[in-house]
Amino acid sequence: MEIRFSDIIPVPIPEKDIKQSEVWNRDICFNAAEMILIYADSGKGKTTLVNIIFGNRKDYSGDVFIDGTNVSQMKYDDISVLRRNKLSIVPQGLALFDELSMIENIRIKNRIFNFKTETEISQMIKLLGLEGFENRKAAKMSFGQKQRVSIIRALCQPFEFILLDEAFSHLDVGNTEIALNLIKSEANKQNAGILLTSLSSDFNDELIKYRV
């Protein structure tokens, strides 16, 4: 997959933020199998960028192309197919169902795709330190636990790019490393790209970094 930006400027955004950005009003391209970090202070547009790629926001000038197709010109059905087959996401708000248990939140996604076996899901749960919490309702989990559940859920579908919007913000260094290594392993199986946003640029040198 190729994601290409041509002179993207969100509405509204201060002129000074456009001038300082390595993303806004630039021509840049993200390719499958790349690991990309978008970093900046709060309020600079990291989540906006993710939502533009995912097709949730249309309030911008410029163009975004996914595999040569302009996202702003895609119909709803085209966006739906893109999300089912090529783009997975861990949104900043996580979008879990609070009334459902941890395992129900994961299975409700996996049933759409039948992408992971129960054994594979159990292995991911154990790896991310969530074993024993399968039947706990999401409303009763900490935000860091919810982030790990949302990561597992995002891995229960095929993708060519996975979008991680501050997906590690409530995880310690050790759990962040474990979660990122799991995501990298799953992405490598599909020759997929990883795009993550963060307040910090303090990630390993494997990532291609852009200040938004």
N, C-alpha and C. Protein backbone atom coordinates (compact mmCIF):
# COMPACT_ATOMS: atom_id res chain seq x y z
N MET A 1 0.83 -1.20 0.00
CA MET A 1 0.00 0.00 0.00
C MET A 1 0.87 1.25 0.00
N GLU A 2 0.41 2.26 -0.71
CA GLU A 2 1.06 3.56 -0.71
C GLU A 2 0.05 4.61 -0.25
N ILE A 3 0.44 5.42 0.74
CA ILE A 3 -0.37 6.55 1.20
C ILE A 3 0.42 7.81 0.87
N ARG A 4 -0.15 8.65 0.01
CA ARG A 4 0.57 9.84 -0.46
C ARG A 4 -0.22 11.10 -0.12
N PHE A 5 0.49 12.09 0.40
CA PHE A 5 -0.10 13.38 0.76
C PHE A 5 0.43 14.46 -0.18
N SER A 6 -0.47 15.29 -0.65
CA SER A 6 -0.08 16.41 -1.50
C SER A 6 -0.69 17.69 -0.94
N ASP A 7 0.15 18.49 -0.28
CA ASP A 7 -0.24 19.82 0.22
C ASP A 7 -1.45 19.78 1.15
N ILE A 8 -1.50 18.80 2.05
CA ILE A 8 -2.61 18.69 3.00
C ILE A 8 -2.51 19.79 4.05
N ILE A 9 -3.62 20.49 4.25
CA ILE A 9 -3.74 21.48 5.33
C ILE A 9 -5.11 21.29 5.97
N PRO A 10 -5.16 20.88 7.24
CA PRO A 10 -6.47 20.73 7.91
C PRO A 10 -7.11 22.08 8.16
N VAL A 11 -8.42 22.05 8.35
CA VAL A 11 -9.17 23.27 8.66
C VAL A 11 -9.84 23.09 10.02
N PRO A 12 -9.59 23.99 11.00
CA PRO A 12 -8.62 25.10 10.92
C PRO A 12 -7.27 24.65 11.47
N ILE A 13 -6.22 25.37 11.13
CA ILE A 13 -4.91 25.14 11.74
C ILE A 13 -4.11 26.43 11.64
N PRO A 14 -3.43 26.85 12.70
CA PRO A 14 -2.67 28.11 12.67
C PRO A 14 -1.55 28.07 11.63
N GLU A 15 -1.29 29.20 11.02
CA GLU A 15 -0.24 29.31 10.01
C GLU A 15 1.12 28.90 10.56
N LYS A 16 1.39 29.25 11.82
CA LYS A 16 2.69 28.91 12.41
C LYS A 16 2.87 27.41 12.53
N ASP A 17 1.78 26.67 12.76
CA ASP A 17 1.87 25.21 12.86
C ASP A 17 2.13 24.59 11.49
N ILE A 18 1.61 25.20 10.44
CA ILE A 18 1.86 24.70 9.09
C ILE A 18 3.34 24.87 8.75
N LYS A 19 3.91 26.03 9.08
CA LYS A 19 5.30 26.31 8.76
C LYS A 19 6.26 25.39 9.51
N GLN A 20 5.92 25.03 10.74
CA GLN A 20 6.81 24.20 11.56
C GLN A 20 6.66 22.71 11.25
N SER A 21 5.58 22.33 10.59
CA SER A 21 5.27 20.92 10.39
C SER A 21 6.10 20.31 9.26
N GLU A 22 6.42 19.03 9.42
CA GLU A 22 7.06 18.24 8.36
C GLU A 22 6.03 17.44 7.57
N VAL A 23 4.75 17.65 7.88
CA VAL A 23 3.66 16.92 7.21
C VAL A 23 2.74 17.86 6.46
N TRP A 24 2.23 18.90 7.17
CA TRP A 24 1.26 19.79 6.55
C TRP A 24 1.89 20.60 5.42
N ASN A 25 1.13 20.68 4.33
CA ASN A 25 1.54 21.43 3.14
C ASN A 25 2.84 20.90 2.53
N ARG A 26 3.04 19.59 2.65
CA ARG A 26 4.20 18.93 2.07
C ARG A 26 3.74 17.82 1.13
N ASP A 27 4.64 17.36 0.29
CA ASP A 27 4.41 16.17 -0.52
C ASP A 27 5.23 15.04 0.09
N ILE A 28 4.54 14.08 0.71
CA ILE A 28 5.22 12.95 1.34
C ILE A 28 4.49 11.66 1.01
N CYS A 29 5.18 10.55 1.20
CA CYS A 29 4.61 9.26 0.83
C CYS A 29 5.00 8.21 1.86
N PHE A 30 4.01 7.44 2.33
CA PHE A 30 4.25 6.33 3.22
C PHE A 30 4.00 5.04 2.45
N ASN A 31 4.89 4.07 2.61
CA ASN A 31 4.77 2.81 1.88
C ASN A 31 4.64 1.62 2.82
N ALA A 32 3.98 0.57 2.33
CA ALA A 32 3.85 -0.67 3.10
C ALA A 32 5.22 -1.16 3.51
N ALA A 33 5.26 -1.78 4.69
CA ALA A 33 6.47 -2.33 5.31
C ALA A 33 7.31 -1.26 5.99
N GLU A 34 6.91 0.02 5.90
CA GLU A 34 7.61 1.07 6.63
C GLU A 34 7.01 1.23 8.02
N MET A 35 7.82 1.69 8.96
CA MET A 35 7.35 2.04 10.30
C MET A 35 7.52 3.55 10.46
N ILE A 36 6.40 4.25 10.66
CA ILE A 36 6.39 5.70 10.63
C ILE A 36 5.89 6.23 11.97
N LEU A 37 6.61 7.19 12.51
CA LEU A 37 6.21 7.87 13.74
C LEU A 37 5.83 9.31 13.42
N ILE A 38 4.62 9.70 13.80
CA ILE A 38 4.16 11.09 13.70
C ILE A 38 4.13 11.62 15.13
N TYR A 39 4.95 12.62 15.43
CA TYR A 39 5.03 13.10 16.81
C TYR A 39 4.87 14.61 16.87
N ALA A 40 4.37 15.08 18.00
CA ALA A 40 4.19 16.52 18.24
C ALA A 40 3.55 16.69 19.60
N ASP A 41 3.52 17.93 20.06
CA ASP A 41 2.79 18.26 21.27
C ASP A 41 1.29 18.09 21.02
N SER A 42 0.51 18.12 22.08
CA SER A 42 -0.94 18.02 21.96
C SER A 42 -1.49 19.17 21.11
N GLY A 43 -2.53 18.85 20.35
CA GLY A 43 -3.23 19.88 19.61
C GLY A 43 -2.62 20.28 18.29
N LYS A 44 -1.62 19.54 17.81
CA LYS A 44 -0.95 19.89 16.56
C LYS A 44 -1.51 19.13 15.35
N GLY A 45 -2.40 18.15 15.60
CA GLY A 45 -3.05 17.50 14.47
C GLY A 45 -2.70 16.05 14.23
N LYS A 46 -2.13 15.38 15.21
CA LYS A 46 -1.77 13.97 15.02
C LYS A 46 -3.01 13.12 14.77
N THR A 47 -4.02 13.30 15.63
CA THR A 47 -5.26 12.54 15.46
C THR A 47 -5.98 12.96 14.19
N THR A 48 -5.91 14.23 13.86
CA THR A 48 -6.51 14.70 12.61
C THR A 48 -5.92 13.96 11.42
N LEU A 49 -4.60 13.80 11.40
CA LEU A 49 -3.94 13.10 10.30
C LEU A 49 -4.43 11.67 10.19
N VAL A 50 -4.51 10.97 11.32
CA VAL A 50 -5.00 9.59 11.32
C VAL A 50 -6.42 9.53 10.79
N ASN A 51 -7.27 10.45 11.23
CA ASN A 51 -8.67 10.45 10.78
C ASN A 51 -8.83 10.82 9.32
N ILE A 52 -7.92 11.63 8.79
CA ILE A 52 -7.94 11.93 7.36
C ILE A 52 -7.61 10.66 6.56
N ILE A 53 -6.58 9.94 6.99
CA ILE A 53 -6.21 8.69 6.30
C ILE A 53 -7.35 7.69 6.37
N PHE A 54 -8.00 7.59 7.51
CA PHE A 54 -9.04 6.58 7.74
C PHE A 54 -10.37 6.98 7.10
N GLY A 55 -10.42 8.18 6.57
CA GLY A 55 -11.63 8.63 5.90
C GLY A 55 -12.69 9.22 6.80
N ASN A 56 -12.31 9.55 8.03
CA ASN A 56 -13.28 10.11 8.98
C ASN A 56 -13.40 11.63 8.87
N ARG A 57 -12.41 12.28 8.26
CA ARG A 57 -12.43 13.74 8.16
C ARG A 57 -12.22 14.17 6.71
N LYS A 58 -13.02 15.14 6.31
CA LYS A 58 -12.94 15.69 4.96
C LYS A 58 -12.61 17.17 4.97
N ASP A 59 -12.45 17.74 6.18
CA ASP A 59 -12.25 19.18 6.30
C ASP A 59 -10.77 19.54 6.18
N TYR A 60 -10.27 19.47 4.96
CA TYR A 60 -8.89 19.81 4.68
C TYR A 60 -8.77 20.22 3.21
N SER A 61 -7.71 20.95 2.92
CA SER A 61 -7.37 21.23 1.53
C SER A 61 -6.22 20.32 1.14
N GLY A 62 -5.98 20.19 -0.15
CA GLY A 62 -4.96 19.26 -0.62
C GLY A 62 -5.56 17.90 -0.91
N ASP A 63 -4.70 16.92 -1.10
CA ASP A 63 -5.16 15.60 -1.53
C ASP A 63 -4.43 14.49 -0.77
N VAL A 64 -5.19 13.42 -0.47
CA VAL A 64 -4.63 12.19 0.08
C VAL A 64 -4.97 11.07 -0.88
N PHE A 65 -3.95 10.34 -1.29
CA PHE A 65 -4.15 9.23 -2.22
C PHE A 65 -3.75 7.92 -1.54
N ILE A 66 -4.62 6.93 -1.59
CA ILE A 66 -4.30 5.59 -1.14
C ILE A 66 -4.29 4.68 -2.35
N ASP A 67 -3.11 4.14 -2.64
CA ASP A 67 -2.92 3.33 -3.86
C ASP A 67 -3.45 4.05 -5.09
N GLY A 68 -3.19 5.36 -5.14
CA GLY A 68 -3.52 6.15 -6.31
C GLY A 68 -4.93 6.71 -6.34
N THR A 69 -5.78 6.34 -5.39
CA THR A 69 -7.16 6.82 -5.36
C THR A 69 -7.30 7.94 -4.33
N ASN A 70 -7.91 9.03 -4.73
CA ASN A 70 -8.11 10.16 -3.84
C ASN A 70 -9.15 9.82 -2.79
N VAL A 71 -8.77 9.86 -1.52
CA VAL A 71 -9.66 9.46 -0.42
C VAL A 71 -10.92 10.33 -0.39
N SER A 72 -10.78 11.62 -0.66
CA SER A 72 -11.92 12.52 -0.59
C SER A 72 -12.99 12.19 -1.63
N GLN A 73 -12.63 11.46 -2.67
CA GLN A 73 -13.57 11.11 -3.72
C GLN A 73 -14.13 9.69 -3.58
N MET A 74 -13.70 8.99 -2.54
CA MET A 74 -14.21 7.63 -2.31
C MET A 74 -15.63 7.67 -1.79
N LYS A 75 -16.45 6.76 -2.26
CA LYS A 75 -17.79 6.61 -1.73
C LYS A 75 -17.74 5.81 -0.43
N TYR A 76 -18.86 5.82 0.31
CA TYR A 76 -18.90 5.13 1.60
C TYR A 76 -18.53 3.66 1.45
N ASP A 77 -19.05 2.99 0.43
CA ASP A 77 -18.76 1.57 0.23
C ASP A 77 -17.27 1.34 -0.03
N ASP A 78 -16.64 2.27 -0.75
CA ASP A 78 -15.21 2.14 -1.03
C ASP A 78 -14.40 2.28 0.26
N ILE A 79 -14.80 3.24 1.10
CA ILE A 79 -14.13 3.43 2.39
C ILE A 79 -14.31 2.18 3.25
N SER A 80 -15.51 1.60 3.24
CA SER A 80 -15.78 0.40 4.03
C SER A 80 -14.89 -0.76 3.59
N VAL A 81 -14.73 -0.94 2.30
CA VAL A 81 -13.87 -2.02 1.79
C VAL A 81 -12.42 -1.76 2.18
N LEU A 82 -11.99 -0.50 2.10
CA LEU A 82 -10.63 -0.14 2.50
C LEU A 82 -10.37 -0.50 3.95
N ARG A 83 -11.34 -0.19 4.81
CA ARG A 83 -11.18 -0.47 6.24
C ARG A 83 -11.23 -1.96 6.54
N ARG A 84 -11.94 -2.71 5.75
CA ARG A 84 -12.04 -4.15 5.98
C ARG A 84 -10.78 -4.90 5.53
N ASN A 85 -10.15 -4.40 4.47
CA ASN A 85 -9.08 -5.17 3.84
C ASN A 85 -7.69 -4.56 3.93
N LYS A 86 -7.61 -3.24 4.14
CA LYS A 86 -6.31 -2.61 4.02
C LYS A 86 -5.89 -1.77 5.22
N LEU A 87 -6.86 -1.21 5.95
CA LEU A 87 -6.53 -0.33 7.07
C LEU A 87 -7.12 -0.86 8.37
N SER A 88 -6.25 -1.01 9.37
CA SER A 88 -6.74 -1.29 10.72
C SER A 88 -6.34 -0.11 11.59
N ILE A 89 -7.04 0.06 12.72
CA ILE A 89 -6.80 1.26 13.53
C ILE A 89 -6.98 0.96 15.02
N VAL A 90 -6.11 1.58 15.81
CA VAL A 90 -6.34 1.72 17.25
C VAL A 90 -6.59 3.20 17.48
N PRO A 91 -7.86 3.62 17.56
CA PRO A 91 -8.16 5.05 17.71
C PRO A 91 -7.79 5.55 19.10
N GLN A 92 -7.56 6.83 19.22
CA GLN A 92 -7.17 7.39 20.51
C GLN A 92 -8.23 7.12 21.58
N GLY A 93 -9.50 7.16 21.18
CA GLY A 93 -10.58 6.89 22.13
C GLY A 93 -10.87 5.43 22.34
N LEU A 94 -10.20 4.56 21.59
CA LEU A 94 -10.24 3.09 21.69
C LEU A 94 -11.53 2.47 21.16
N ALA A 95 -12.68 3.11 21.38
CA ALA A 95 -13.97 2.65 20.82
C ALA A 95 -14.34 1.23 21.25
N LEU A 96 -14.02 0.89 22.49
CA LEU A 96 -14.47 -0.38 23.05
C LEU A 96 -15.91 -0.24 23.52
N PHE A 97 -16.59 -1.38 23.63
CA PHE A 97 -17.94 -1.40 24.19
C PHE A 97 -17.83 -1.66 25.69
N ASP A 98 -18.12 -0.62 26.49
CA ASP A 98 -17.92 -0.73 27.93
C ASP A 98 -18.75 -1.83 28.57
N GLU A 99 -19.94 -2.11 28.02
CA GLU A 99 -20.83 -3.10 28.63
C GLU A 99 -20.43 -4.53 28.30
N LEU A 100 -19.48 -4.68 27.36
CA LEU A 100 -19.01 -6.02 26.98
C LEU A 100 -17.72 -6.35 27.72
N SER A 101 -17.47 -7.64 27.86
CA SER A 101 -16.23 -8.07 28.49
C SER A 101 -15.06 -7.89 27.53
N MET A 102 -13.86 -8.05 28.07
CA MET A 102 -12.66 -7.94 27.25
C MET A 102 -12.72 -8.90 26.07
N ILE A 103 -13.00 -10.16 26.33
CA ILE A 103 -12.99 -11.17 25.27
C ILE A 103 -14.12 -10.93 24.28
N GLU A 104 -15.25 -10.43 24.74
CA GLU A 104 -16.36 -10.12 23.84
C GLU A 104 -15.98 -8.98 22.89
N ASN A 105 -15.27 -7.97 23.41
CA ASN A 105 -14.83 -6.87 22.57
C ASN A 105 -13.89 -7.36 21.47
N ILE A 106 -13.06 -8.33 21.78
CA ILE A 106 -12.14 -8.87 20.78
C ILE A 106 -12.88 -9.76 19.79
N ARG A 107 -13.73 -10.63 20.30
CA ARG A 107 -14.44 -11.58 19.43
C ARG A 107 -15.41 -10.89 18.48
N ILE A 108 -16.01 -9.80 18.91
CA ILE A 108 -16.99 -9.13 18.05
C ILE A 108 -16.31 -8.62 16.77
N LYS A 109 -15.03 -8.27 16.88
CA LYS A 109 -14.26 -7.88 15.69
C LYS A 109 -13.81 -9.11 14.91
N ASN A 110 -13.32 -10.11 15.63
CA ASN A 110 -12.77 -11.28 14.95
C ASN A 110 -13.84 -12.06 14.19
N ARG A 111 -15.08 -12.02 14.67
CA ARG A 111 -16.15 -12.75 13.99
C ARG A 111 -16.44 -12.18 12.60
N ILE A 112 -16.13 -10.92 12.40
CA ILE A 112 -16.33 -10.30 11.09
C ILE A 112 -15.39 -10.90 10.06
N PHE A 113 -14.17 -11.20 10.50
CA PHE A 113 -13.13 -11.60 9.57
C PHE A 113 -12.69 -13.07 9.72
N ASN A 114 -12.96 -13.67 10.90
CA ASN A 114 -12.43 -15.00 11.20
C ASN A 114 -10.93 -15.06 10.90
N PHE A 115 -10.24 -14.01 11.32
CA PHE A 115 -8.83 -13.85 10.97
C PHE A 115 -7.90 -14.55 11.95
N LYS A 116 -8.29 -14.64 13.20
CA LYS A 116 -7.48 -15.27 14.23
C LYS A 116 -8.24 -16.44 14.87
N THR A 117 -7.50 -17.48 15.22
CA THR A 117 -8.11 -18.58 15.96
C THR A 117 -8.21 -18.21 17.43
N GLU A 118 -9.03 -18.94 18.17
CA GLU A 118 -9.13 -18.70 19.62
C GLU A 118 -7.78 -18.89 20.29
N THR A 119 -7.00 -19.85 19.81
CA THR A 119 -5.66 -20.08 20.37
C THR A 119 -4.77 -18.87 20.14
N GLU A 120 -4.80 -18.31 18.94
CA GLU A 120 -3.98 -17.13 18.65
C GLU A 120 -4.41 -15.94 19.49
N ILE A 121 -5.71 -15.77 19.68
CA ILE A 121 -6.20 -14.67 20.52
C ILE A 121 -5.73 -14.87 21.96
N SER A 122 -5.83 -16.09 22.46
CA SER A 122 -5.38 -16.38 23.83
C SER A 122 -3.89 -16.10 23.99
N GLN A 123 -3.11 -16.41 22.96
CA GLN A 123 -1.67 -16.16 23.03
C GLN A 123 -1.38 -14.67 23.10
N MET A 124 -2.12 -13.86 22.33
CA MET A 124 -1.92 -12.41 22.37
C MET A 124 -2.34 -11.85 23.73
N ILE A 125 -3.44 -12.34 24.26
CA ILE A 125 -3.91 -11.90 25.58
C ILE A 125 -2.84 -12.18 26.64
N LYS A 126 -2.27 -13.38 26.60
CA LYS A 126 -1.24 -13.75 27.57
C LYS A 126 0.01 -12.90 27.39
N LEU A 127 0.42 -12.69 26.15
CA LEU A 127 1.63 -11.93 25.86
C LEU A 127 1.51 -10.50 26.38
N LEU A 128 0.33 -9.92 26.27
CA LEU A 128 0.14 -8.53 26.69
C LEU A 128 -0.29 -8.41 28.15
N GLY A 129 -0.18 -9.49 28.89
CA GLY A 129 -0.41 -9.44 30.33
C GLY A 129 -1.85 -9.29 30.75
N LEU A 130 -2.78 -9.77 29.90
CA LEU A 130 -4.21 -9.62 30.19
C LEU A 130 -4.87 -10.94 30.57
N GLU A 131 -4.11 -11.99 30.70
CA GLU A 131 -4.67 -13.29 31.06
C GLU A 131 -5.36 -13.20 32.42
N GLY A 132 -6.56 -13.74 32.52
CA GLY A 132 -7.33 -13.68 33.75
C GLY A 132 -8.36 -12.56 33.76
N PHE A 133 -8.28 -11.66 32.77
CA PHE A 133 -9.22 -10.54 32.70
C PHE A 133 -10.24 -10.74 31.58
N GLU A 134 -10.27 -11.93 30.99
CA GLU A 134 -11.11 -12.15 29.81
C GLU A 134 -12.57 -11.78 30.02
N ASN A 135 -13.10 -12.04 31.21
CA ASN A 135 -14.53 -11.81 31.46
C ASN A 135 -14.82 -10.50 32.19
N ARG A 136 -13.79 -9.68 32.36
CA ARG A 136 -14.00 -8.38 33.00
C ARG A 136 -14.56 -7.40 31.97
N LYS A 137 -15.60 -6.66 32.38
CA LYS A 137 -16.18 -5.68 31.47
C LYS A 137 -15.18 -4.56 31.20
N ALA A 138 -15.21 -4.06 29.98
CA ALA A 138 -14.28 -3.00 29.61
C ALA A 138 -14.39 -1.80 30.52
N ALA A 139 -15.60 -1.49 31.00
CA ALA A 139 -15.82 -0.35 31.88
C ALA A 139 -15.03 -0.46 33.18
N LYS A 140 -14.67 -1.67 33.57
CA LYS A 140 -13.97 -1.91 34.83
C LYS A 140 -12.45 -2.04 34.63
N MET A 141 -11.98 -1.83 33.42
CA MET A 141 -10.56 -1.97 33.14
C MET A 141 -9.88 -0.61 33.16
N SER A 142 -8.58 -0.60 33.44
CA SER A 142 -7.82 0.64 33.38
C SER A 142 -7.64 1.04 31.91
N PHE A 143 -7.26 2.30 31.70
CA PHE A 143 -7.08 2.76 30.32
C PHE A 143 -5.94 2.01 29.64
N GLY A 144 -4.88 1.71 30.38
CA GLY A 144 -3.77 0.94 29.81
C GLY A 144 -4.20 -0.46 29.41
N GLN A 145 -5.04 -1.09 30.21
CA GLN A 145 -5.58 -2.40 29.84
C GLN A 145 -6.44 -2.30 28.60
N LYS A 146 -7.27 -1.26 28.56
CA LYS A 146 -8.12 -1.05 27.38
C LYS A 146 -7.29 -0.85 26.12
N GLN A 147 -6.18 -0.13 26.24
CA GLN A 147 -5.32 0.07 25.08
C GLN A 147 -4.80 -1.26 24.55
N ARG A 148 -4.43 -2.16 25.44
CA ARG A 148 -3.93 -3.47 25.00
C ARG A 148 -5.04 -4.30 24.37
N VAL A 149 -6.25 -4.19 24.91
CA VAL A 149 -7.40 -4.89 24.29
C VAL A 149 -7.64 -4.34 22.89
N SER A 150 -7.58 -3.03 22.74
CA SER A 150 -7.82 -2.41 21.44
C SER A 150 -6.74 -2.80 20.43
N ILE A 151 -5.52 -2.97 20.89
CA ILE A 151 -4.43 -3.44 20.02
C ILE A 151 -4.72 -4.85 19.53
N ILE A 152 -5.10 -5.75 20.44
CA ILE A 152 -5.42 -7.12 20.03
C ILE A 152 -6.56 -7.11 19.03
N ARG A 153 -7.59 -6.33 19.31
CA ARG A 153 -8.74 -6.26 18.41
C ARG A 153 -8.33 -5.78 17.02
N ALA A 154 -7.43 -4.79 16.96
CA ALA A 154 -6.98 -4.26 15.66
C ALA A 154 -6.19 -5.29 14.87
N LEU A 155 -5.60 -6.26 15.56
CA LEU A 155 -4.82 -7.30 14.89
C LEU A 155 -5.68 -8.46 14.42
N CYS A 156 -6.98 -8.39 14.71
CA CYS A 156 -7.91 -9.46 14.31
C CYS A 156 -8.55 -9.18 12.96
N GLN A 157 -7.78 -8.61 12.05
CA GLN A 157 -8.26 -8.38 10.69
C GLN A 157 -7.04 -8.26 9.77
N PRO A 158 -7.25 -8.48 8.47
CA PRO A 158 -6.15 -8.24 7.53
C PRO A 158 -5.90 -6.74 7.39
N PHE A 159 -4.66 -6.35 7.14
CA PHE A 159 -4.35 -4.94 6.91
C PHE A 159 -3.06 -4.80 6.12
N GLU A 160 -2.97 -3.67 5.42
CA GLU A 160 -1.74 -3.29 4.74
C GLU A 160 -1.07 -2.12 5.45
N PHE A 161 -1.85 -1.42 6.28
CA PHE A 161 -1.33 -0.40 7.18
C PHE A 161 -2.14 -0.46 8.46
N ILE A 162 -1.46 -0.36 9.60
CA ILE A 162 -2.16 -0.25 10.87
C ILE A 162 -1.85 1.12 11.45
N LEU A 163 -2.90 1.82 11.87
CA LEU A 163 -2.80 3.18 12.39
C LEU A 163 -2.95 3.14 13.91
N LEU A 164 -1.96 3.64 14.62
CA LEU A 164 -1.93 3.56 16.08
C LEU A 164 -1.90 4.98 16.64
N ASP A 165 -3.05 5.49 17.06
CA ASP A 165 -3.15 6.87 17.51
C ASP A 165 -2.90 6.96 19.02
N GLU A 166 -1.65 7.26 19.37
CA GLU A 166 -1.22 7.30 20.78
C GLU A 166 -1.63 6.03 21.51
N ALA A 167 -1.39 4.89 20.87
CA ALA A 167 -1.86 3.60 21.38
C ALA A 167 -1.09 3.12 22.60
N PHE A 168 0.04 3.77 22.93
CA PHE A 168 0.86 3.34 24.07
C PHE A 168 0.92 4.41 25.17
N SER A 169 0.04 5.39 25.11
CA SER A 169 0.15 6.55 26.00
C SER A 169 0.02 6.21 27.47
N HIS A 170 -0.68 5.10 27.80
CA HIS A 170 -0.86 4.72 29.20
C HIS A 170 -0.14 3.42 29.55
N LEU A 171 0.86 3.07 28.73
CA LEU A 171 1.64 1.86 28.99
C LEU A 171 3.05 2.24 29.43
N ASP A 172 3.62 1.44 30.34
CA ASP A 172 5.00 1.66 30.73
C ASP A 172 5.94 1.19 29.62
N VAL A 173 7.23 1.45 29.79
CA VAL A 173 8.20 1.16 28.74
C VAL A 173 8.21 -0.32 28.38
N GLY A 174 8.16 -1.19 29.39
CA GLY A 174 8.19 -2.62 29.14
C GLY A 174 6.99 -3.10 28.35
N ASN A 175 5.79 -2.67 28.75
CA ASN A 175 4.59 -3.09 28.04
C ASN A 175 4.49 -2.47 26.65
N THR A 176 5.02 -1.26 26.51
CA THR A 176 5.06 -0.65 25.18
C THR A 176 5.93 -1.47 24.24
N GLU A 177 7.09 -1.90 24.72
CA GLU A 177 8.00 -2.70 23.89
C GLU A 177 7.36 -4.02 23.50
N ILE A 178 6.69 -4.68 24.45
CA ILE A 178 6.02 -5.95 24.15
C ILE A 178 4.93 -5.75 23.11
N ALA A 179 4.11 -4.71 23.31
CA ALA A 179 2.99 -4.46 22.39
C ALA A 179 3.49 -4.10 21.00
N LEU A 180 4.51 -3.24 20.93
CA LEU A 180 5.03 -2.82 19.63
C LEU A 180 5.68 -4.00 18.90
N ASN A 181 6.36 -4.86 19.63
CA ASN A 181 6.97 -6.04 19.00
C ASN A 181 5.90 -6.98 18.45
N LEU A 182 4.78 -7.12 19.17
CA LEU A 182 3.67 -7.94 18.67
C LEU A 182 3.11 -7.34 17.38
N ILE A 183 2.90 -6.03 17.38
CA ILE A 183 2.37 -5.37 16.19
C ILE A 183 3.33 -5.52 15.03
N LYS A 184 4.63 -5.34 15.27
CA LYS A 184 5.63 -5.49 14.22
C LYS A 184 5.62 -6.91 13.65
N SER A 185 5.49 -7.90 14.53
CA SER A 185 5.44 -9.29 14.07
C SER A 185 4.24 -9.54 13.18
N GLU A 186 3.07 -9.04 13.59
CA GLU A 186 1.86 -9.23 12.79
C GLU A 186 1.93 -8.46 11.48
N ALA A 187 2.52 -7.26 11.52
CA ALA A 187 2.67 -6.47 10.29
C ALA A 187 3.62 -7.16 9.31
N ASN A 188 4.70 -7.72 9.83
CA ASN A 188 5.66 -8.40 8.97
C ASN A 188 5.04 -9.58 8.24
N LYS A 189 4.12 -10.28 8.90
CA LYS A 189 3.46 -11.42 8.26
C LYS A 189 2.68 -10.99 7.03
N GLN A 190 2.22 -9.74 7.02
CA GLN A 190 1.39 -9.25 5.92
C GLN A 190 2.12 -8.23 5.06
N ASN A 191 3.42 -8.06 5.33
CA ASN A 191 4.21 -7.04 4.62
C ASN A 191 3.53 -5.68 4.72
N ALA A 192 3.03 -5.39 5.91
CA ALA A 192 2.22 -4.20 6.14
C ALA A 192 3.03 -3.09 6.81
N GLY A 193 2.53 -1.87 6.66
CA GLY A 193 3.15 -0.72 7.28
C GLY A 193 2.54 -0.40 8.64
N ILE A 194 3.29 0.35 9.44
CA ILE A 194 2.84 0.78 10.76
C ILE A 194 2.98 2.30 10.83
N LEU A 195 1.90 2.98 11.22
CA LEU A 195 1.96 4.42 11.45
C LEU A 195 1.46 4.67 12.86
N LEU A 196 2.33 5.24 13.69
CA LEU A 196 1.92 5.53 15.06
C LEU A 196 2.13 6.99 15.37
N THR A 197 1.28 7.51 16.24
CA THR A 197 1.41 8.89 16.69
C THR A 197 1.79 8.90 18.16
N SER A 198 2.52 9.93 18.56
CA SER A 198 2.97 10.02 19.94
C SER A 198 3.31 11.47 20.27
N LEU A 199 3.27 11.78 21.56
CA LEU A 199 3.73 13.08 22.02
C LEU A 199 5.25 13.17 21.98
N SER A 200 5.92 12.02 21.94
CA SER A 200 7.38 11.96 22.04
C SER A 200 7.99 11.34 20.80
N SER A 201 9.19 11.77 20.48
CA SER A 201 9.96 11.15 19.39
C SER A 201 10.87 10.05 19.91
N ASP A 202 10.73 9.73 21.19
CA ASP A 202 11.63 8.78 21.85
C ASP A 202 11.22 7.34 21.56
N PHE A 203 11.35 6.95 20.28
CA PHE A 203 11.17 5.57 19.88
C PHE A 203 12.43 5.13 19.16
N ASN A 204 12.54 3.83 18.89
CA ASN A 204 13.79 3.33 18.31
C ASN A 204 14.01 3.88 16.90
N ASP A 205 15.24 3.70 16.42
CA ASP A 205 15.64 4.31 15.15
C ASP A 205 15.10 3.59 13.93
N GLU A 206 14.36 2.49 14.13
CA GLU A 206 13.77 1.81 12.99
C GLU A 206 12.67 2.66 12.35
N LEU A 207 12.10 3.57 13.12
CA LEU A 207 10.97 4.35 12.63
C LEU A 207 11.42 5.56 11.79
N ILE A 208 10.65 5.84 10.76
CA ILE A 208 10.81 7.07 9.99
C ILE A 208 9.98 8.13 10.71
N LYS A 209 10.62 9.23 11.11
CA LYS A 209 9.96 10.17 12.00
C LYS A 209 9.61 11.49 11.30
N TYR A 210 8.40 11.96 11.59
CA TYR A 210 7.92 13.25 11.09
C TYR A 210 7.31 14.02 12.24
N ARG A 211 7.69 15.30 12.37
CA ARG A 211 7.01 16.18 13.33
C ARG A 211 5.83 16.81 12.61
N VAL A 212 4.62 16.62 13.19
CA VAL A 212 3.43 17.16 12.54
C VAL A 212 3.25 18.64 12.90
